[in-house]
Amino acid sequence: MLLRARVVLPISQSPIENGAVLISGNRIAQVGLWKSISAGNRCKTIDLGETILLPGFVNAHCHLDYTDMAGRIPPQKNFTDWIKLMLATKSEWSRSEYMESWRRGAAMLLRSGTTTVGDFEAVPELLPDILNSTPLRVISFLEMTGVKSRRAPAAILQEALDRIESFPKTFRAGLAPHAPYSTFPELIRLSARSAKKNHLPISIHVSESIQEFEMFARGRGVMFDWLRRGERDMSDCGRGSPVRHLERCGALNKNLIAVHVNYLAPGDAALLARRQVSVAHCPRSHFYFRHEKFPFEKLARAKVNVCFGTDSLATVYKTRKETVKLNMFEEMRAFAEIHPRAPAKRILEMATINGARALGLAGKIGELSKGAFADCVAIPFSGKISGAHEAALNHTGDVLTSLIGGKWAIAPGA
């Protein structure tokens, strides 16, 4: 199949005016000028017209099963109050509610240009029934806690590994010790070791709130007091930042996605870079919790791989009459508003090739290049090629088409 567009935006190279992408099976065979690729080529040709053809977005962190919680939990004064309300809301939900919420979230991502998502699965037993309900490329991170249940860390991890082993080979999975405050150090340590041994990605919420930062760095604060009352062993606190805590647990390495990382101690950014850890930033969630400004400049100077996630709609600010959706375009624009000096090209890289690198799929997704999976989307465009990056960043509404692994997820004209 040969696709032609007014502009092909490979992300990994310069925009191509009157460009084309040749697809063979589920991979990209060639990217370049239409006149060069089409000459003598007799395969099926689809002219996408006045459009930009670009790689599908890579959403490095999401909670699809919380989609229908949009607007149910108003912003709270502190993070621990939000956790309490979130736990209460979750306890009221049925299996079918989680399932429908997951499916609705997946449909939102598909319509808005995401082709790959790293999803935290709070209800992993649903996966066999729902993963085949979407054409999205899903990497399912199995969420693990253990503080409340007081189960042995080794047993919690083994249950997750057994579940992964039971999945069909086509399923992609990873490990997700939820966060330093909600797990024991031993669970993080064992998970990191197992992920490395079994070549699995691992993802952890870390340094999300100032309360978490104070708990680990100073051994005090609202979260520290709350968890101590719940009889959590607090001996791992007061010994440095949450990032340093993960370092002591042996969790900082290139297959780790550190989610949020909103608060850094001196030296944290350099440590993350040295260990080749990726950071998933969720701009709209960041705004919802009214965190201090995301330390993007510090991370960028240290050359940390920063990518985007949507988080869940439970942490997207919503007015009474407003409808909010999982949407990577919205995340990019929210980031651009707070970081106006960041070029559109760099923001698009964070939503594509940086996310691919974080998920261990560099060169395979998030770019239009020879050998990569044929994951691409098209949006309307009739301007000059010099404005293609800005146009992609500022696109609103659904994408016109979506191709995942060489198959139409949203066909032209659909």
Protein backbone atom coordinates (compact mmCIF):
# COMPACT_ATOMS: atom_id res chain seq x y z
CA MET A 1 0.00 0.00 0.00
CA LEU A 2 1.26 3.47 -0.89
CA LEU A 3 0.00 6.53 1.03
CA ARG A 4 0.38 10.05 -0.34
CA ALA A 5 -0.14 13.28 1.64
CA ARG A 6 0.44 16.99 1.13
CA VAL A 7 3.04 16.77 3.91
CA VAL A 8 4.62 13.69 5.44
CA LEU A 9 5.94 14.50 8.91
CA PRO A 10 8.25 11.61 9.86
CA ILE A 11 9.34 13.31 13.14
CA SER A 12 12.71 11.53 12.90
CA GLN A 13 13.61 13.64 9.83
CA SER A 14 12.53 16.86 8.11
CA PRO A 15 8.98 17.28 6.74
CA ILE A 16 8.44 16.10 3.16
CA GLU A 17 6.21 18.12 0.87
CA ASN A 18 4.08 15.99 -1.47
CA GLY A 19 5.39 12.98 0.41
CA ALA A 20 4.62 9.29 0.42
CA VAL A 21 4.91 6.29 2.70
CA LEU A 22 5.21 2.80 1.22
CA ILE A 23 3.91 0.02 3.45
CA SER A 24 4.72 -3.66 3.19
CA GLY A 25 2.77 -5.90 5.56
CA ASN A 26 2.85 -4.30 9.03
CA ARG A 27 6.04 -2.28 8.40
CA ILE A 28 7.13 0.85 6.59
CA ALA A 29 9.22 0.03 3.52
CA GLN A 30 10.04 3.53 2.31
CA VAL A 31 9.44 7.21 3.15
CA GLY A 32 10.14 10.03 0.72
CA LEU A 33 8.91 12.15 -2.17
CA TRP A 34 5.76 10.99 -3.92
CA LYS A 35 7.27 11.29 -7.39
CA SER A 36 10.24 9.12 -6.41
CA ILE A 37 8.37 6.34 -4.61
CA SER A 38 5.37 6.17 -6.95
CA ALA A 39 7.45 5.88 -10.13
CA GLY A 40 6.97 2.33 -11.39
CA ASN A 41 5.21 1.25 -8.21
CA ARG A 42 2.03 -0.70 -8.97
CA CYS A 43 0.76 -1.36 -5.44
CA LYS A 44 -2.54 -0.01 -4.11
CA THR A 45 -2.31 3.78 -3.82
CA ILE A 46 -4.34 5.93 -1.43
CA ASP A 47 -4.15 9.69 -1.82
CA LEU A 48 -4.95 11.29 1.54
CA GLY A 49 -5.18 14.72 -0.10
CA GLU A 50 -4.64 17.95 1.84
CA THR A 51 -3.31 16.35 4.99
CA ILE A 52 -0.32 15.89 7.25
CA LEU A 53 0.63 12.24 7.65
CA LEU A 54 2.56 11.68 10.86
CA PRO A 55 3.34 8.81 13.24
CA GLY A 56 0.68 7.82 15.75
CA PHE A 57 1.22 9.22 19.23
CA VAL A 58 2.85 7.17 21.96
CA ASN A 59 1.00 7.69 25.26
CA ALA A 60 3.54 6.47 27.81
CA HIS A 61 1.25 6.59 30.84
CA CYS A 62 -2.49 6.14 31.15
CA HIS A 63 -5.19 4.62 33.37
CA LEU A 64 -7.84 3.59 30.85
CA ASP A 65 -10.03 1.90 33.45
CA TYR A 66 -10.57 5.25 35.25
CA THR A 67 -11.91 7.05 32.15
CA ASP A 68 -15.48 7.28 33.40
CA MET A 69 -14.32 8.88 36.66
CA ALA A 70 -14.00 12.20 34.82
CA GLY A 71 -15.26 15.00 37.04
CA ARG A 72 -16.19 12.69 39.93
CA ILE A 73 -13.38 13.80 42.25
CA PRO A 74 -12.90 17.57 42.54
CA PRO A 75 -9.37 18.86 43.19
CA GLN A 76 -8.42 18.59 46.87
CA LYS A 77 -6.30 20.71 49.16
CA ASN A 78 -3.61 18.04 49.38
CA PHE A 79 -2.71 14.86 47.53
CA THR A 80 -3.52 12.49 50.39
CA ASP A 81 -7.13 13.74 50.51
CA TRP A 82 -7.42 12.97 46.79
CA ILE A 83 -6.03 9.45 47.37
CA LYS A 84 -8.68 8.78 50.03
CA LEU A 85 -11.49 9.90 47.71
CA MET A 86 -10.03 7.90 44.83
CA LEU A 87 -9.87 4.72 46.93
CA ALA A 88 -13.48 5.24 48.05
CA THR A 89 -14.63 5.74 44.45
CA LYS A 90 -12.79 2.65 43.24
CA SER A 91 -14.33 0.51 45.97
CA GLU A 92 -17.81 1.34 44.67
CA TRP A 93 -17.16 0.28 41.08
CA SER A 94 -18.16 -3.04 39.56
CA ARG A 95 -16.18 -5.18 37.13
CA SER A 96 -18.45 -4.10 34.24
CA GLU A 97 -17.95 -0.41 35.06
CA TYR A 98 -14.18 -0.79 34.90
CA MET A 99 -14.50 -2.69 31.63
CA GLU A 100 -16.70 -0.11 29.92
CA SER A 101 -14.53 2.71 31.23
CA TRP A 102 -11.42 1.03 29.75
CA ARG A 103 -13.09 0.58 26.37
CA ARG A 104 -14.34 4.17 26.25
CA GLY A 105 -10.89 5.46 27.08
CA ALA A 106 -9.29 3.33 24.37
CA ALA A 107 -11.78 4.67 21.82
CA MET A 108 -10.98 8.26 22.83
CA LEU A 109 -7.25 7.69 22.36
CA LEU A 110 -7.77 6.07 18.98
CA ARG A 111 -9.90 8.94 17.64
CA SER A 112 -7.36 11.52 18.82
CA GLY A 113 -4.32 9.97 17.19
CA THR A 114 -2.74 7.66 19.76
CA THR A 115 -1.63 4.32 18.34
CA THR A 116 0.39 2.99 21.32
CA VAL A 117 -0.41 3.32 25.03
CA GLY A 118 1.38 2.23 28.18
CA ASP A 119 -1.56 1.52 30.48
CA PHE A 120 -1.56 0.92 34.23
CA GLU A 121 -3.97 -1.95 34.88
CA ALA A 122 -5.65 -1.70 38.28
CA VAL A 123 -7.98 -4.60 37.38
CA PRO A 124 -5.69 -6.90 35.36
CA GLU A 125 -8.15 -9.80 35.41
CA LEU A 126 -10.17 -7.88 32.81
CA LEU A 127 -7.38 -7.90 30.24
CA PRO A 128 -8.13 -11.14 28.38
CA ASP A 129 -11.66 -9.87 27.71
CA ILE A 130 -10.85 -6.29 26.72
CA LEU A 131 -7.45 -6.15 25.00
CA ASN A 132 -8.89 -7.56 21.78
CA SER A 133 -11.62 -4.91 21.81
CA THR A 134 -9.25 -2.19 20.54
CA PRO A 135 -6.77 -1.97 17.64
CA LEU A 136 -4.47 0.13 19.87
CA ARG A 137 -1.00 -1.19 20.54
CA VAL A 138 -1.29 -1.64 24.34
CA ILE A 139 1.53 -2.29 26.80
CA SER A 140 -0.25 -3.35 30.00
CA PHE A 141 1.61 -2.49 33.20
CA LEU A 142 0.25 -4.67 36.01
CA GLU A 143 -0.22 -2.45 39.05
CA MET A 144 1.05 -3.72 42.42
CA THR A 145 0.79 -2.17 45.89
CA GLY A 146 0.85 -4.21 49.10
CA VAL A 147 0.98 -1.71 51.98
CA LYS A 148 -2.73 -1.99 52.77
CA SER A 149 -3.01 -5.74 52.13
CA ARG A 150 0.26 -6.49 53.97
CA ARG A 151 0.94 -9.35 51.57
CA ALA A 152 4.51 -10.52 51.10
CA PRO A 153 6.24 -8.62 48.25
CA ALA A 154 7.50 -11.86 46.66
CA ALA A 155 3.93 -13.22 46.52
CA ILE A 156 2.58 -10.00 44.97
CA LEU A 157 5.25 -10.04 42.28
CA GLN A 158 4.84 -13.74 41.54
CA GLU A 159 1.10 -13.26 41.03
CA ALA A 160 1.82 -10.55 38.43
CA LEU A 161 4.44 -12.69 36.69
CA ASP A 162 2.08 -15.69 36.60
CA ARG A 163 -0.60 -13.51 35.05
CA ILE A 164 1.80 -12.26 32.39
CA GLU A 165 2.85 -15.84 31.67
CA SER A 166 -0.82 -16.80 31.17
CA PHE A 167 -1.40 -14.08 28.56
CA PRO A 168 -1.27 -14.95 24.84
CA LYS A 169 2.16 -14.25 23.36
CA THR A 170 0.67 -11.35 21.37
CA PHE A 171 -0.05 -9.42 24.60
CA ARG A 172 2.59 -6.95 25.75
CA ALA A 173 3.02 -6.44 29.48
CA GLY A 174 5.19 -4.79 32.09
CA LEU A 175 5.46 -4.43 35.87
CA ALA A 176 4.11 -1.47 37.83
CA PRO A 177 4.93 -1.20 41.52
CA HIS A 178 2.47 1.64 42.06
CA ALA A 179 4.59 4.21 43.93
CA PRO A 180 7.25 4.35 46.65
CA TYR A 181 4.70 5.40 49.27
CA SER A 182 2.19 2.63 48.41
CA THR A 183 4.67 -0.25 48.18
CA PHE A 184 7.43 -1.70 50.29
CA PRO A 185 11.05 -1.23 49.18
CA GLU A 186 11.36 -5.00 48.76
CA LEU A 187 8.57 -5.07 46.15
CA ILE A 188 10.32 -2.37 44.12
CA ARG A 189 13.66 -4.15 44.49
CA LEU A 190 12.27 -7.55 43.42
CA SER A 191 10.26 -6.01 40.56
CA ALA A 192 13.28 -4.18 39.19
CA ARG A 193 15.37 -7.35 39.32
CA SER A 194 12.63 -9.42 37.67
CA ALA A 195 11.97 -6.84 34.96
CA LYS A 196 15.64 -6.83 34.01
CA LYS A 197 15.84 -10.64 34.00
CA ASN A 198 12.67 -11.10 31.94
CA HIS A 199 13.23 -8.09 29.62
CA LEU A 200 10.04 -6.38 30.80
CA PRO A 201 9.41 -2.63 30.97
CA ILE A 202 8.69 -1.27 34.44
CA SER A 203 6.81 1.88 35.41
CA ILE A 204 6.44 3.63 38.78
CA HIS A 205 4.67 6.82 39.90
CA VAL A 206 7.40 8.74 41.71
CA SER A 207 7.77 12.15 43.33
CA GLU A 208 4.28 13.03 42.17
CA SER A 209 3.40 15.33 45.08
CA ILE A 210 5.19 17.61 47.52
CA GLN A 211 3.73 15.43 50.32
CA GLU A 212 5.50 12.36 48.91
CA PHE A 213 8.72 14.34 48.53
CA GLU A 214 8.58 15.51 52.17
CA MET A 215 7.80 11.99 53.36
CA PHE A 216 10.94 10.49 51.83
CA ALA A 217 13.32 13.45 51.93
CA ARG A 218 12.50 14.70 55.43
CA GLY A 219 10.48 11.96 57.17
CA ARG A 220 7.56 14.24 57.95
CA GLY A 221 4.42 15.84 56.51
CA VAL A 222 0.79 15.02 55.78
CA MET A 223 1.44 11.81 53.83
CA PHE A 224 4.01 10.60 56.36
CA ASP A 225 1.58 11.06 59.26
CA TRP A 226 -1.33 9.47 57.38
CA LEU A 227 0.58 6.35 56.36
CA ARG A 228 2.20 5.99 59.78
CA ARG A 229 -1.28 5.96 61.35
CA GLY A 230 -2.07 3.15 58.92
CA GLU A 231 0.87 1.25 60.42
CA ARG A 232 3.10 1.43 57.33
CA ASP A 233 6.75 0.79 58.18
CA MET A 234 8.25 4.28 57.76
CA SER A 235 11.90 3.28 58.19
CA ASP A 236 12.51 3.98 54.48
CA CYS A 237 11.67 7.68 54.97
CA GLY A 238 13.86 10.64 55.87
CA ARG A 239 16.72 9.27 53.79
CA GLY A 240 16.61 11.41 50.64
CA SER A 241 14.27 12.17 47.74
CA PRO A 242 11.87 9.62 46.20
CA VAL A 243 14.28 9.36 43.26
CA ARG A 244 17.12 8.45 45.66
CA HIS A 245 14.79 5.91 47.27
CA LEU A 246 14.39 4.18 43.89
CA GLU A 247 18.17 4.24 43.46
CA ARG A 248 18.62 2.43 46.79
CA CYS A 249 16.05 -0.13 45.58
CA GLY A 250 18.07 -0.73 42.40
CA ALA A 251 15.15 0.44 40.25
CA LEU A 252 16.82 3.22 38.25
CA ASN A 253 17.77 1.80 34.85
CA LYS A 254 16.95 2.19 31.17
CA ASN A 255 13.80 0.04 31.24
CA LEU A 256 12.15 2.22 33.91
CA ILE A 257 9.49 4.82 33.15
CA ALA A 258 9.37 7.19 36.12
CA VAL A 259 5.90 8.74 36.00
CA HIS A 260 5.38 12.41 37.00
CA VAL A 261 8.72 13.29 38.75
CA ASN A 262 7.32 16.70 39.67
CA TYR A 263 9.74 17.40 42.52
CA LEU A 264 13.51 16.98 42.35
CA ALA A 265 16.31 17.25 44.87
CA PRO A 266 19.71 18.56 43.74
CA GLY A 267 21.42 15.87 41.70
CA ASP A 268 18.23 13.91 40.93
CA ALA A 269 18.07 14.95 37.28
CA ALA A 270 21.71 13.98 36.69
CA LEU A 271 21.12 10.64 38.40
CA LEU A 272 18.09 9.89 36.21
CA ALA A 273 20.11 10.75 33.11
CA ARG A 274 23.06 8.62 34.19
CA ARG A 275 20.79 5.62 34.76
CA GLN A 276 18.99 6.29 31.40
CA VAL A 277 15.58 6.49 33.09
CA SER A 278 12.69 7.95 31.06
CA VAL A 279 10.23 10.40 32.64
CA ALA A 280 6.55 10.45 31.65
CA HIS A 281 5.02 13.89 32.20
CA CYS A 282 1.22 14.30 32.28
CA PRO A 283 0.57 18.04 31.78
CA ARG A 284 -3.19 18.19 32.43
CA SER A 285 -2.88 16.02 35.54
CA HIS A 286 -0.08 18.31 36.70
CA PHE A 287 -2.45 21.30 36.36
CA TYR A 288 -5.28 19.48 38.16
CA PHE A 289 -3.16 18.98 41.29
CA ARG A 290 -1.74 22.53 41.13
CA HIS A 291 1.81 21.25 41.44
CA GLU A 292 4.78 23.57 41.22
CA LYS A 293 6.06 24.06 37.68
CA PHE A 294 7.27 20.78 36.13
CA PRO A 295 11.11 20.76 36.20
CA PHE A 296 11.40 20.25 32.46
CA GLU A 297 14.37 22.56 32.02
CA LYS A 298 16.41 20.71 34.67
CA LEU A 299 15.58 17.34 33.13
CA ALA A 300 16.26 18.58 29.60
CA ARG A 301 19.65 20.06 30.58
CA ALA A 302 20.59 16.71 32.09
CA LYS A 303 19.45 15.02 28.84
CA VAL A 304 16.74 12.91 30.49
CA ASN A 305 14.31 11.36 28.00
CA VAL A 306 11.01 13.15 28.77
CA CYS A 307 7.81 11.91 27.13
CA PHE A 308 4.07 12.46 27.58
CA GLY A 309 1.21 10.56 29.14
CA THR A 310 -2.44 11.44 29.56
CA ASP A 311 -2.80 9.91 33.04
CA SER A 312 -6.52 9.33 33.68
CA LEU A 313 -9.57 11.54 33.31
CA ALA A 314 -9.97 11.32 37.09
CA THR A 315 -7.13 13.88 37.20
CA VAL A 316 -8.17 16.23 34.40
CA TYR A 317 -9.88 19.42 35.54
CA LYS A 318 -13.50 19.52 34.38
CA THR A 319 -16.19 22.16 34.75
CA ARG A 320 -19.80 21.07 35.23
CA LYS A 321 -20.77 21.52 31.58
CA GLU A 322 -17.44 20.57 30.04
CA THR A 323 -16.64 17.26 28.35
CA VAL A 324 -13.05 16.07 28.71
CA LYS A 325 -11.37 13.30 26.75
CA LEU A 326 -8.11 11.39 26.72
CA ASN A 327 -6.23 13.28 24.03
CA MET A 328 -2.50 13.68 23.37
CA PHE A 329 -3.07 16.88 21.38
CA GLU A 330 -4.54 18.42 24.53
CA GLU A 331 -1.57 17.25 26.61
CA MET A 332 0.89 18.77 24.13
CA ARG A 333 -0.93 22.11 24.11
CA ALA A 334 -1.14 22.16 27.92
CA PHE A 335 2.62 21.66 28.02
CA ALA A 336 3.21 24.35 25.36
CA GLU A 337 1.17 26.86 27.36
CA ILE A 338 3.41 26.46 30.42
CA HIS A 339 6.63 26.07 28.39
CA PRO A 340 6.16 28.58 25.53
CA ARG A 341 9.85 28.49 24.56
CA ALA A 342 9.72 24.78 23.69
CA PRO A 343 9.58 24.43 19.86
CA ALA A 344 6.59 22.59 18.35
CA LYS A 345 8.99 20.05 16.82
CA ARG A 346 10.41 19.15 20.22
CA ILE A 347 6.94 18.81 21.76
CA LEU A 348 5.91 16.45 18.96
CA GLU A 349 9.07 14.41 19.58
CA MET A 350 8.05 14.06 23.23
CA ALA A 351 4.69 12.67 22.09
CA THR A 352 6.22 10.19 19.64
CA ILE A 353 9.88 9.11 19.50
CA ASN A 354 10.56 9.90 23.18
CA GLY A 355 7.62 7.75 24.23
CA ALA A 356 8.85 4.97 21.96
CA ARG A 357 12.25 5.10 23.63
CA ALA A 358 10.63 5.00 27.07
CA LEU A 359 8.68 1.85 26.19
CA GLY A 360 11.74 0.13 24.73
CA LEU A 361 10.43 0.44 21.16
CA ALA A 362 12.77 3.06 19.71
CA GLY A 363 12.87 2.89 15.92
CA LYS A 364 9.76 0.70 15.86
CA ILE A 365 7.00 3.18 16.74
CA GLY A 366 6.69 6.95 17.05
CA GLU A 367 8.34 7.72 13.72
CA LEU A 368 7.86 7.18 10.01
CA SER A 369 11.04 5.42 8.95
CA LYS A 370 12.07 2.31 7.08
CA GLY A 371 11.52 -0.79 9.20
CA ALA A 372 9.24 0.89 11.75
CA PHE A 373 5.73 -0.43 12.33
CA ALA A 374 3.20 1.14 9.98
CA ASP A 375 1.51 3.22 12.70
CA CYS A 376 0.43 6.59 11.31
CA VAL A 377 -2.40 9.12 11.45
CA ALA A 378 -3.57 11.92 9.17
CA ILE A 379 -4.92 15.36 10.04
CA PRO A 380 -6.20 18.08 7.68
CA PHE A 381 -3.64 20.62 6.43
CA SER A 382 -3.49 23.05 3.52
CA GLY A 383 -0.75 25.42 4.65
CA LYS A 384 2.94 25.76 3.91
CA ILE A 385 5.36 23.02 4.85
CA SER A 386 7.21 25.41 7.18
CA GLY A 387 4.14 25.48 9.41
CA ALA A 388 3.57 21.72 9.57
CA HIS A 389 4.91 21.18 13.09
CA GLU A 390 2.85 24.07 14.50
CA ALA A 391 -0.23 22.86 12.64
CA ALA A 392 0.13 19.36 14.08
CA LEU A 393 0.58 20.71 17.60
CA ASN A 394 -2.51 22.91 17.32
CA HIS A 395 -4.83 20.40 15.64
CA THR A 396 -8.22 20.03 17.34
CA GLY A 397 -10.82 17.36 16.80
CA ASP A 398 -10.46 13.78 15.66
CA VAL A 399 -7.82 12.51 13.27
CA LEU A 400 -8.98 11.71 9.72
CA THR A 401 -7.34 8.29 9.57
CA SER A 402 -5.40 5.90 11.77
CA LEU A 403 -3.26 2.99 10.61
CA ILE A 404 -1.83 0.55 13.18
CA GLY A 405 0.50 -2.22 12.10
CA GLY A 406 -0.50 -1.69 8.47
CA LYS A 407 -4.21 -2.12 9.17
CA TRP A 408 -6.81 0.64 9.15
CA ALA A 409 -8.07 1.45 12.63
CA ILE A 410 -9.87 4.48 11.14
CA ALA A 411 -10.13 4.11 7.38
CA PRO A 412 -10.04 7.12 4.98
CA GLY A 413 -13.52 8.58 4.71
CA ALA A 414 -14.79 6.74 7.78
